[in-house]
mmCIF file of all heavy atoms, coordinates in Angstrom:
data_MODEL
# 
_entry.id   MODEL 
# 
loop_
_atom_site.group_PDB 
_atom_site.id 
_atom_site.type_symbol 
_atom_site.label_atom_id 
_atom_site.label_alt_id 
_atom_site.label_comp_id 
_atom_site.label_asym_id 
_atom_site.label_entity_id 
_atom_site.label_seq_id 
_atom_site.pdbx_PDB_ins_code 
_atom_site.Cartn_x 
_atom_site.Cartn_y 
_atom_site.Cartn_z 
_atom_site.occupancy 
_atom_site.B_iso_or_equiv 
_atom_site.pdbx_formal_charge 
_atom_site.auth_seq_id 
_atom_site.auth_comp_id 
_atom_site.auth_asym_id 
_atom_site.auth_atom_id 
_atom_site.pdbx_PDB_model_num 
ATOM 1   N N   . SER A 1 1  ? 0.833  -1.194  0.000  1.00 0.00 ? 1  SER A N   1 
ATOM 2   C CA  . SER A 1 1  ? 0.000  0.000   0.000  1.00 0.00 ? 1  SER A CA  1 
ATOM 3   C C   . SER A 1 1  ? 0.869  1.247   0.000  1.00 0.00 ? 1  SER A C   1 
ATOM 4   O O   . SER A 1 1  ? 2.070  1.183   0.287  1.00 0.00 ? 1  SER A O   1 
ATOM 5   C CB  . SER A 1 1  ? -0.947 0.011   1.206  1.00 0.00 ? 1  SER A CB  1 
ATOM 6   O OG  . SER A 1 1  ? -0.214 0.036   2.420  1.00 0.00 ? 1  SER A OG  1 
ATOM 7   N N   . ARG A 1 2  ? 0.255  2.386   -0.317 1.00 0.00 ? 2  ARG A N   1 
ATOM 8   C CA  . ARG A 1 2  ? 0.990  3.649   -0.367 1.00 0.00 ? 2  ARG A CA  1 
ATOM 9   C C   . ARG A 1 2  ? 0.169  4.751   0.280  1.00 0.00 ? 2  ARG A C   1 
ATOM 10  O O   . ARG A 1 2  ? -1.032 4.887   0.032  1.00 0.00 ? 2  ARG A O   1 
ATOM 11  C CB  . ARG A 1 2  ? 1.326  4.002   -1.820 1.00 0.00 ? 2  ARG A CB  1 
ATOM 12  C CG  . ARG A 1 2  ? 1.948  5.375   -2.016 1.00 0.00 ? 2  ARG A CG  1 
ATOM 13  C CD  . ARG A 1 2  ? 2.623  5.499   -3.362 1.00 0.00 ? 2  ARG A CD  1 
ATOM 14  N NE  . ARG A 1 2  ? 1.764  5.127   -4.465 1.00 0.00 ? 2  ARG A NE  1 
ATOM 15  C CZ  . ARG A 1 2  ? 2.195  4.883   -5.697 1.00 0.00 ? 2  ARG A CZ  1 
ATOM 16  N NH1 . ARG A 1 2  ? 3.494  4.968   -5.970 1.00 0.00 ? 2  ARG A NH1 1 
ATOM 17  N NH2 . ARG A 1 2  ? 1.342  4.540   -6.649 1.00 0.00 ? 2  ARG A NH2 1 
ATOM 18  N N   . ASP A 1 3  ? 0.817  5.547   1.110  1.00 0.00 ? 3  ASP A N   1 
ATOM 19  C CA  . ASP A 1 3  ? 0.206  6.707   1.726  1.00 0.00 ? 3  ASP A CA  1 
ATOM 20  C C   . ASP A 1 3  ? 0.849  7.932   1.076  1.00 0.00 ? 3  ASP A C   1 
ATOM 21  O O   . ASP A 1 3  ? 1.946  8.334   1.454  1.00 0.00 ? 3  ASP A O   1 
ATOM 22  C CB  . ASP A 1 3  ? 0.428  6.710   3.233  1.00 0.00 ? 3  ASP A CB  1 
ATOM 23  C CG  . ASP A 1 3  ? -0.308 7.836   3.926  1.00 0.00 ? 3  ASP A CG  1 
ATOM 24  O OD1 . ASP A 1 3  ? -0.664 8.829   3.271  1.00 0.00 ? 3  ASP A OD1 1 
ATOM 25  O OD2 . ASP A 1 3  ? -0.541 7.724   5.147  1.00 0.00 ? 3  ASP A OD2 1 
ATOM 26  N N   . ASN A 1 4  ? 0.168  8.514   0.104  1.00 0.00 ? 4  ASN A N   1 
ATOM 27  C CA  . ASN A 1 4  ? 0.740  9.629   -0.639 1.00 0.00 ? 4  ASN A CA  1 
ATOM 28  C C   . ASN A 1 4  ? 0.922  10.881  0.222  1.00 0.00 ? 4  ASN A C   1 
ATOM 29  O O   . ASN A 1 4  ? 1.819  11.685  -0.034 1.00 0.00 ? 4  ASN A O   1 
ATOM 30  C CB  . ASN A 1 4  ? -0.125 9.956   -1.851 1.00 0.00 ? 4  ASN A CB  1 
ATOM 31  C CG  . ASN A 1 4  ? -0.030 8.895   -2.928 1.00 0.00 ? 4  ASN A CG  1 
ATOM 32  O OD1 . ASN A 1 4  ? 0.983  8.209   -3.053 1.00 0.00 ? 4  ASN A OD1 1 
ATOM 33  N ND2 . ASN A 1 4  ? -1.080 8.757   -3.718 1.00 0.00 ? 4  ASN A ND2 1 
ATOM 34  N N   . ALA A 1 5  ? 0.073  11.055  1.227  1.00 0.00 ? 5  ALA A N   1 
ATOM 35  C CA  . ALA A 1 5  ? 0.193  12.204  2.112  1.00 0.00 ? 5  ALA A CA  1 
ATOM 36  C C   . ALA A 1 5  ? 1.500  12.162  2.890  1.00 0.00 ? 5  ALA A C   1 
ATOM 37  O O   . ALA A 1 5  ? 2.060  13.206  3.230  1.00 0.00 ? 5  ALA A O   1 
ATOM 38  C CB  . ALA A 1 5  ? -0.991 12.269  3.066  1.00 0.00 ? 5  ALA A CB  1 
ATOM 39  N N   . LYS A 1 6  ? 1.986  10.955  3.172  1.00 0.00 ? 6  LYS A N   1 
ATOM 40  C CA  . LYS A 1 6  ? 3.231  10.783  3.916  1.00 0.00 ? 6  LYS A CA  1 
ATOM 41  C C   . LYS A 1 6  ? 4.398  10.385  3.026  1.00 0.00 ? 6  LYS A C   1 
ATOM 42  O O   . LYS A 1 6  ? 5.510  10.191  3.521  1.00 0.00 ? 6  LYS A O   1 
ATOM 43  C CB  . LYS A 1 6  ? 3.053  9.727   5.008  1.00 0.00 ? 6  LYS A CB  1 
ATOM 44  C CG  . LYS A 1 6  ? 2.032  10.088  6.066  1.00 0.00 ? 6  LYS A CG  1 
ATOM 45  C CD  . LYS A 1 6  ? 1.944  8.995   7.116  1.00 0.00 ? 6  LYS A CD  1 
ATOM 46  C CE  . LYS A 1 6  ? 0.957  9.361   8.206  1.00 0.00 ? 6  LYS A CE  1 
ATOM 47  N NZ  . LYS A 1 6  ? 0.854  8.294   9.237  1.00 0.00 ? 6  LYS A NZ  1 
ATOM 48  N N   . ASN A 1 7  ? 4.148  10.248  1.729  1.00 0.00 ? 7  ASN A N   1 
ATOM 49  C CA  . ASN A 1 7  ? 5.183  9.805   0.784  1.00 0.00 ? 7  ASN A CA  1 
ATOM 50  C C   . ASN A 1 7  ? 5.842  8.506   1.256  1.00 0.00 ? 7  ASN A C   1 
ATOM 51  O O   . ASN A 1 7  ? 7.067  8.367   1.235  1.00 0.00 ? 7  ASN A O   1 
ATOM 52  C CB  . ASN A 1 7  ? 6.244  10.886  0.591  1.00 0.00 ? 7  ASN A CB  1 
ATOM 53  C CG  . ASN A 1 7  ? 5.754  12.040  -0.254 1.00 0.00 ? 7  ASN A CG  1 
ATOM 54  O OD1 . ASN A 1 7  ? 4.670  11.994  -0.837 1.00 0.00 ? 7  ASN A OD1 1 
ATOM 55  N ND2 . ASN A 1 7  ? 6.554  13.094  -0.333 1.00 0.00 ? 7  ASN A ND2 1 
ATOM 56  N N   . THR A 1 8  ? 5.016  7.556   1.664  1.00 0.00 ? 8  THR A N   1 
ATOM 57  C CA  . THR A 1 8  ? 5.525  6.328   2.251  1.00 0.00 ? 8  THR A CA  1 
ATOM 58  C C   . THR A 1 8  ? 4.866  5.097   1.635  1.00 0.00 ? 8  THR A C   1 
ATOM 59  O O   . THR A 1 8  ? 3.647  5.060   1.457  1.00 0.00 ? 8  THR A O   1 
ATOM 60  C CB  . THR A 1 8  ? 5.306  6.311   3.766  1.00 0.00 ? 8  THR A CB  1 
ATOM 61  O OG1 . THR A 1 8  ? 5.976  7.440   4.348  1.00 0.00 ? 8  THR A OG1 1 
ATOM 62  C CG2 . THR A 1 8  ? 5.864  5.046   4.388  1.00 0.00 ? 8  THR A CG2 1 
ATOM 63  N N   . LEU A 1 9  ? 5.674  4.100   1.340  1.00 0.00 ? 9  LEU A N   1 
ATOM 64  C CA  . LEU A 1 9  ? 5.230  2.821   0.823  1.00 0.00 ? 9  LEU A CA  1 
ATOM 65  C C   . LEU A 1 9  ? 5.300  1.793   1.943  1.00 0.00 ? 9  LEU A C   1 
ATOM 66  O O   . LEU A 1 9  ? 6.258  1.777   2.720  1.00 0.00 ? 9  LEU A O   1 
ATOM 67  C CB  . LEU A 1 9  ? 6.127  2.396   -0.335 1.00 0.00 ? 9  LEU A CB  1 
ATOM 68  C CG  . LEU A 1 9  ? 5.779  1.123   -1.096 1.00 0.00 ? 9  LEU A CG  1 
ATOM 69  C CD1 . LEU A 1 9  ? 4.536  1.348   -1.956 1.00 0.00 ? 9  LEU A CD1 1 
ATOM 70  C CD2 . LEU A 1 9  ? 6.956  0.686   -1.960 1.00 0.00 ? 9  LEU A CD2 1 
ATOM 71  N N   . TYR A 1 10 ? 4.297  0.911   2.035  1.00 0.00 ? 10 TYR A N   1 
ATOM 72  C CA  . TYR A 1 10 ? 4.253  -0.098  3.088  1.00 0.00 ? 10 TYR A CA  1 
ATOM 73  C C   . TYR A 1 10 ? 4.163  -1.496  2.493  1.00 0.00 ? 10 TYR A C   1 
ATOM 74  O O   . TYR A 1 10 ? 3.547  -1.716  1.449  1.00 0.00 ? 10 TYR A O   1 
ATOM 75  C CB  . TYR A 1 10 ? 3.047  0.118   3.999  1.00 0.00 ? 10 TYR A CB  1 
ATOM 76  C CG  . TYR A 1 10 ? 3.036  1.450   4.705  1.00 0.00 ? 10 TYR A CG  1 
ATOM 77  C CD1 . TYR A 1 10 ? 2.316  2.520   4.189  1.00 0.00 ? 10 TYR A CD1 1 
ATOM 78  C CD2 . TYR A 1 10 ? 3.751  1.638   5.883  1.00 0.00 ? 10 TYR A CD2 1 
ATOM 79  C CE1 . TYR A 1 10 ? 2.303  3.743   4.831  1.00 0.00 ? 10 TYR A CE1 1 
ATOM 80  C CE2 . TYR A 1 10 ? 3.744  2.855   6.532  1.00 0.00 ? 10 TYR A CE2 1 
ATOM 81  C CZ  . TYR A 1 10 ? 3.018  3.906   6.003  1.00 0.00 ? 10 TYR A CZ  1 
ATOM 82  O OH  . TYR A 1 10 ? 3.009  5.123   6.646  1.00 0.00 ? 10 TYR A OH  1 
ATOM 83  N N   . LEU A 1 11 ? 4.772  -2.444  3.189  1.00 0.00 ? 11 LEU A N   1 
ATOM 84  C CA  . LEU A 1 11 ? 4.645  -3.848  2.834  1.00 0.00 ? 11 LEU A CA  1 
ATOM 85  C C   . LEU A 1 11 ? 4.297  -4.616  4.095  1.00 0.00 ? 11 LEU A C   1 
ATOM 86  O O   . LEU A 1 11 ? 5.141  -4.792  4.974  1.00 0.00 ? 11 LEU A O   1 
ATOM 87  C CB  . LEU A 1 11 ? 5.932  -4.392  2.216  1.00 0.00 ? 11 LEU A CB  1 
ATOM 88  C CG  . LEU A 1 11 ? 5.865  -5.849  1.749  1.00 0.00 ? 11 LEU A CG  1 
ATOM 89  C CD1 . LEU A 1 11 ? 4.886  -5.981  0.572  1.00 0.00 ? 11 LEU A CD1 1 
ATOM 90  C CD2 . LEU A 1 11 ? 7.242  -6.366  1.345  1.00 0.00 ? 11 LEU A CD2 1 
ATOM 91  N N   . GLN A 1 12 ? 3.036  -5.055  4.187  1.00 0.00 ? 12 GLN A N   1 
ATOM 92  C CA  . GLN A 1 12 ? 2.589  -5.870  5.301  1.00 0.00 ? 12 GLN A CA  1 
ATOM 93  C C   . GLN A 1 12 ? 2.826  -7.332  4.943  1.00 0.00 ? 12 GLN A C   1 
ATOM 94  O O   . GLN A 1 12 ? 2.301  -7.814  3.939  1.00 0.00 ? 12 GLN A O   1 
ATOM 95  C CB  . GLN A 1 12 ? 1.108  -5.629  5.590  1.00 0.00 ? 12 GLN A CB  1 
ATOM 96  C CG  . GLN A 1 12 ? 0.545  -6.482  6.713  1.00 0.00 ? 12 GLN A CG  1 
ATOM 97  C CD  . GLN A 1 12 ? 1.139  -6.133  8.058  1.00 0.00 ? 12 GLN A CD  1 
ATOM 98  O OE1 . GLN A 1 12 ? 1.258  -4.968  8.400  1.00 0.00 ? 12 GLN A OE1 1 
ATOM 99  N NE2 . GLN A 1 12 ? 1.529  -7.154  8.818  1.00 0.00 ? 12 GLN A NE2 1 
ATOM 100 N N   . MET A 1 13 ? 3.598  -8.030  5.759  1.00 0.00 ? 13 MET A N   1 
ATOM 101 C CA  . MET A 1 13 ? 3.968  -9.410  5.489  1.00 0.00 ? 13 MET A CA  1 
ATOM 102 C C   . MET A 1 13 ? 3.404  -10.302 6.585  1.00 0.00 ? 13 MET A C   1 
ATOM 103 O O   . MET A 1 13 ? 3.792  -10.185 7.751  1.00 0.00 ? 13 MET A O   1 
ATOM 104 C CB  . MET A 1 13 ? 5.484  -9.556  5.407  1.00 0.00 ? 13 MET A CB  1 
ATOM 105 C CG  . MET A 1 13 ? 6.127  -8.638  4.372  1.00 0.00 ? 13 MET A CG  1 
ATOM 106 S SD  . MET A 1 13 ? 7.928  -8.889  4.217  1.00 0.00 ? 13 MET A SD  1 
ATOM 107 C CE  . MET A 1 13 ? 8.463  -8.286  5.818  1.00 0.00 ? 13 MET A CE  1 
ATOM 108 N N   . ASN A 1 14 ? 2.493  -11.187 6.212  1.00 0.00 ? 14 ASN A N   1 
ATOM 109 C CA  . ASN A 1 14 ? 1.874  -12.116 7.139  1.00 0.00 ? 14 ASN A CA  1 
ATOM 110 C C   . ASN A 1 14 ? 2.247  -13.547 6.782  1.00 0.00 ? 14 ASN A C   1 
ATOM 111 O O   . ASN A 1 14 ? 2.680  -13.830 5.670  1.00 0.00 ? 14 ASN A O   1 
ATOM 112 C CB  . ASN A 1 14 ? 0.350  -11.961 7.120  1.00 0.00 ? 14 ASN A CB  1 
ATOM 113 C CG  . ASN A 1 14 ? -0.115 -10.592 7.546  1.00 0.00 ? 14 ASN A CG  1 
ATOM 114 O OD1 . ASN A 1 14 ? 0.487  -9.957  8.415  1.00 0.00 ? 14 ASN A OD1 1 
ATOM 115 N ND2 . ASN A 1 14 ? -1.200 -10.122 6.945  1.00 0.00 ? 14 ASN A ND2 1 
ATOM 116 N N   . SER A 1 15 ? 2.040  -14.446 7.737  1.00 0.00 ? 15 SER A N   1 
ATOM 117 C CA  . SER A 1 15 ? 2.331  -15.867 7.537  1.00 0.00 ? 15 SER A CA  1 
ATOM 118 C C   . SER A 1 15 ? 3.723  -16.077 6.951  1.00 0.00 ? 15 SER A C   1 
ATOM 119 O O   . SER A 1 15 ? 3.911  -16.841 5.998  1.00 0.00 ? 15 SER A O   1 
ATOM 120 C CB  . SER A 1 15 ? 1.267  -16.500 6.628  1.00 0.00 ? 15 SER A CB  1 
ATOM 121 O OG  . SER A 1 15 ? -0.026 -16.362 7.179  1.00 0.00 ? 15 SER A OG  1 
ATOM 122 N N   . LEU A 1 16 ? 4.696  -15.408 7.527  1.00 0.00 ? 16 LEU A N   1 
ATOM 123 C CA  . LEU A 1 16 ? 6.056  -15.474 7.011  1.00 0.00 ? 16 LEU A CA  1 
ATOM 124 C C   . LEU A 1 16 ? 6.645  -16.877 7.130  1.00 0.00 ? 16 LEU A C   1 
ATOM 125 O O   . LEU A 1 16 ? 6.386  -17.595 8.100  1.00 0.00 ? 16 LEU A O   1 
ATOM 126 C CB  . LEU A 1 16 ? 6.942  -14.480 7.746  1.00 0.00 ? 16 LEU A CB  1 
ATOM 127 C CG  . LEU A 1 16 ? 6.732  -13.018 7.329  1.00 0.00 ? 16 LEU A CG  1 
ATOM 128 C CD1 . LEU A 1 16 ? 7.319  -12.077 8.363  1.00 0.00 ? 16 LEU A CD1 1 
ATOM 129 C CD2 . LEU A 1 16 ? 7.365  -12.767 5.962  1.00 0.00 ? 16 LEU A CD2 1 
ATOM 130 N N   . GLN A 1 17 ? 7.434  -17.239 6.138  1.00 0.00 ? 17 GLN A N   1 
ATOM 131 C CA  . GLN A 1 17 ? 8.089  -18.536 6.072  1.00 0.00 ? 17 GLN A CA  1 
ATOM 132 C C   . GLN A 1 17 ? 9.591  -18.344 5.929  1.00 0.00 ? 17 GLN A C   1 
ATOM 133 O O   . GLN A 1 17 ? 10.044 -17.284 5.503  1.00 0.00 ? 17 GLN A O   1 
ATOM 134 C CB  . GLN A 1 17 ? 7.540  -19.346 4.904  1.00 0.00 ? 17 GLN A CB  1 
ATOM 135 C CG  . GLN A 1 17 ? 6.046  -19.588 4.945  1.00 0.00 ? 17 GLN A CG  1 
ATOM 136 C CD  . GLN A 1 17 ? 5.635  -20.385 6.166  1.00 0.00 ? 17 GLN A CD  1 
ATOM 137 O OE1 . GLN A 1 17 ? 6.273  -21.386 6.507  1.00 0.00 ? 17 GLN A OE1 1 
ATOM 138 N NE2 . GLN A 1 17 ? 4.572  -19.951 6.825  1.00 0.00 ? 17 GLN A NE2 1 
ATOM 139 N N   . PRO A 1 18 ? 10.394 -19.352 6.270  1.00 0.00 ? 18 PRO A N   1 
ATOM 140 C CA  . PRO A 1 18 ? 11.849 -19.224 6.158  1.00 0.00 ? 18 PRO A CA  1 
ATOM 141 C C   . PRO A 1 18 ? 12.319 -18.792 4.774  1.00 0.00 ? 18 PRO A C   1 
ATOM 142 O O   . PRO A 1 18 ? 13.316 -18.067 4.672  1.00 0.00 ? 18 PRO A O   1 
ATOM 143 C CB  . PRO A 1 18 ? 12.347 -20.631 6.508  1.00 0.00 ? 18 PRO A CB  1 
ATOM 144 C CG  . PRO A 1 18 ? 11.314 -21.159 7.447  1.00 0.00 ? 18 PRO A CG  1 
ATOM 145 C CD  . PRO A 1 18 ? 10.010 -20.634 6.911  1.00 0.00 ? 18 PRO A CD  1 
ATOM 146 N N   . GLU A 1 19 ? 11.636 -19.206 3.731  1.00 0.00 ? 19 GLU A N   1 
ATOM 147 C CA  . GLU A 1 19 ? 12.032 -18.824 2.384  1.00 0.00 ? 19 GLU A CA  1 
ATOM 148 C C   . GLU A 1 19 ? 11.813 -17.342 2.090  1.00 0.00 ? 19 GLU A C   1 
ATOM 149 O O   . GLU A 1 19 ? 12.258 -16.842 1.054  1.00 0.00 ? 19 GLU A O   1 
ATOM 150 C CB  . GLU A 1 19 ? 11.301 -19.673 1.329  1.00 0.00 ? 19 GLU A CB  1 
ATOM 151 C CG  . GLU A 1 19 ? 9.788  -19.659 1.470  1.00 0.00 ? 19 GLU A CG  1 
ATOM 152 C CD  . GLU A 1 19 ? 9.262  -20.846 2.252  1.00 0.00 ? 19 GLU A CD  1 
ATOM 153 O OE1 . GLU A 1 19 ? 9.948  -21.298 3.183  1.00 0.00 ? 19 GLU A OE1 1 
ATOM 154 O OE2 . GLU A 1 19 ? 8.165  -21.331 1.929  1.00 0.00 ? 19 GLU A OE2 1 
ATOM 155 N N   . ASP A 1 20 ? 11.141 -16.624 2.985  1.00 0.00 ? 20 ASP A N   1 
ATOM 156 C CA  . ASP A 1 20 ? 10.973 -15.181 2.845  1.00 0.00 ? 20 ASP A CA  1 
ATOM 157 C C   . ASP A 1 20 ? 12.188 -14.414 3.355  1.00 0.00 ? 20 ASP A C   1 
ATOM 158 O O   . ASP A 1 20 ? 12.254 -13.196 3.194  1.00 0.00 ? 20 ASP A O   1 
ATOM 159 C CB  . ASP A 1 20 ? 9.732  -14.700 3.596  1.00 0.00 ? 20 ASP A CB  1 
ATOM 160 C CG  . ASP A 1 20 ? 8.446  -15.272 3.021  1.00 0.00 ? 20 ASP A CG  1 
ATOM 161 O OD1 . ASP A 1 20 ? 8.301  -15.289 1.780  1.00 0.00 ? 20 ASP A OD1 1 
ATOM 162 O OD2 . ASP A 1 20 ? 7.577  -15.683 3.811  1.00 0.00 ? 20 ASP A OD2 1 
ATOM 163 N N   . THR A 1 21 ? 13.117 -15.093 3.962  1.00 0.00 ? 21 THR A N   1 
ATOM 164 C CA  . THR A 1 21 ? 14.313 -14.465 4.517  1.00 0.00 ? 21 THR A CA  1 
ATOM 165 C C   . THR A 1 21 ? 15.153 -13.818 3.421  1.00 0.00 ? 21 THR A C   1 
ATOM 166 O O   . THR A 1 21 ? 15.341 -14.392 2.347  1.00 0.00 ? 21 THR A O   1 
ATOM 167 C CB  . THR A 1 21 ? 15.159 -15.497 5.270  1.00 0.00 ? 21 THR A CB  1 
ATOM 168 O OG1 . THR A 1 21 ? 14.447 -15.938 6.427  1.00 0.00 ? 21 THR A OG1 1 
ATOM 169 C CG2 . THR A 1 21 ? 16.489 -14.904 5.710  1.00 0.00 ? 21 THR A CG2 1 
ATOM 170 N N   . GLY A 1 22 ? 15.655 -12.618 3.688  1.00 0.00 ? 22 GLY A N   1 
ATOM 171 C CA  . GLY A 1 22 ? 16.524 -11.943 2.744  1.00 0.00 ? 22 GLY A CA  1 
ATOM 172 C C   . GLY A 1 22 ? 16.584 -10.450 2.993  1.00 0.00 ? 22 GLY A C   1 
ATOM 173 O O   . GLY A 1 22 ? 15.970 -9.930  3.925  1.00 0.00 ? 22 GLY A O   1 
ATOM 174 N N   . MET A 1 23 ? 17.347 -9.776  2.152  1.00 0.00 ? 23 MET A N   1 
ATOM 175 C CA  . MET A 1 23 ? 17.386 -8.320  2.161  1.00 0.00 ? 23 MET A CA  1 
ATOM 176 C C   . MET A 1 23 ? 16.240 -7.797  1.306  1.00 0.00 ? 23 MET A C   1 
ATOM 177 O O   . MET A 1 23 ? 16.072 -8.221  0.160  1.00 0.00 ? 23 MET A O   1 
ATOM 178 C CB  . MET A 1 23 ? 18.718 -7.819  1.621  1.00 0.00 ? 23 MET A CB  1 
ATOM 179 C CG  . MET A 1 23 ? 19.897 -8.017  2.550  1.00 0.00 ? 23 MET A CG  1 
ATOM 180 S SD  . MET A 1 23 ? 19.827 -6.949  4.013  1.00 0.00 ? 23 MET A SD  1 
ATOM 181 C CE  . MET A 1 23 ? 20.009 -5.334  3.275  1.00 0.00 ? 23 MET A CE  1 
ATOM 182 N N   . TYR A 1 24 ? 15.472 -6.886  1.859  1.00 0.00 ? 24 TYR A N   1 
ATOM 183 C CA  . TYR A 1 24 ? 14.342 -6.300  1.150  1.00 0.00 ? 24 TYR A CA  1 
ATOM 184 C C   . TYR A 1 24 ? 14.673 -4.873  0.737  1.00 0.00 ? 24 TYR A C   1 
ATOM 185 O O   . TYR A 1 24 ? 15.156 -4.075  1.543  1.00 0.00 ? 24 TYR A O   1 
ATOM 186 C CB  . TYR A 1 24 ? 13.099 -6.324  2.029  1.00 0.00 ? 24 TYR A CB  1 
ATOM 187 C CG  . TYR A 1 24 ? 12.439 -7.683  2.074  1.00 0.00 ? 24 TYR A CG  1 
ATOM 188 C CD1 . TYR A 1 24 ? 13.060 -8.752  2.701  1.00 0.00 ? 24 TYR A CD1 1 
ATOM 189 C CD2 . TYR A 1 24 ? 11.197 -7.894  1.475  1.00 0.00 ? 24 TYR A CD2 1 
ATOM 190 C CE1 . TYR A 1 24 ? 12.470 -10.009 2.725  1.00 0.00 ? 24 TYR A CE1 1 
ATOM 191 C CE2 . TYR A 1 24 ? 10.596 -9.146  1.502  1.00 0.00 ? 24 TYR A CE2 1 
ATOM 192 C CZ  . TYR A 1 24 ? 11.235 -10.192 2.126  1.00 0.00 ? 24 TYR A CZ  1 
ATOM 193 O OH  . TYR A 1 24 ? 10.643 -11.437 2.156  1.00 0.00 ? 24 TYR A OH  1 
ATOM 194 N N   . TYR A 1 25 ? 14.394 -4.559  -0.527 1.00 0.00 ? 25 TYR A N   1 
ATOM 195 C CA  . TYR A 1 25 ? 14.718 -3.259  -1.098 1.00 0.00 ? 25 TYR A CA  1 
ATOM 196 C C   . TYR A 1 25 ? 13.486 -2.581  -1.668 1.00 0.00 ? 25 TYR A C   1 
ATOM 197 O O   . TYR A 1 25 ? 12.674 -3.212  -2.342 1.00 0.00 ? 25 TYR A O   1 
ATOM 198 C CB  . TYR A 1 25 ? 15.738 -3.403  -2.233 1.00 0.00 ? 25 TYR A CB  1 
ATOM 199 C CG  . TYR A 1 25 ? 17.059 -3.989  -1.829 1.00 0.00 ? 25 TYR A CG  1 
ATOM 200 C CD1 . TYR A 1 25 ? 17.256 -5.369  -1.835 1.00 0.00 ? 25 TYR A CD1 1 
ATOM 201 C CD2 . TYR A 1 25 ? 18.116 -3.171  -1.460 1.00 0.00 ? 25 TYR A CD2 1 
ATOM 202 C CE1 . TYR A 1 25 ? 18.467 -5.913  -1.469 1.00 0.00 ? 25 TYR A CE1 1 
ATOM 203 C CE2 . TYR A 1 25 ? 19.337 -3.706  -1.098 1.00 0.00 ? 25 TYR A CE2 1 
ATOM 204 C CZ  . TYR A 1 25 ? 19.509 -5.082  -1.109 1.00 0.00 ? 25 TYR A CZ  1 
ATOM 205 O OH  . TYR A 1 25 ? 20.721 -5.618  -0.756 1.00 0.00 ? 25 TYR A OH  1 
# 
C-alpha cells in the first residue's frame, strides 16, 4: 500500500516462512 500524504510505501507481510528471509529493497 501507499500513503501519498506521507510519501511512504508499506509492505505488510503475514504468515512469514523461512524462504521469505533476505534483504528487502
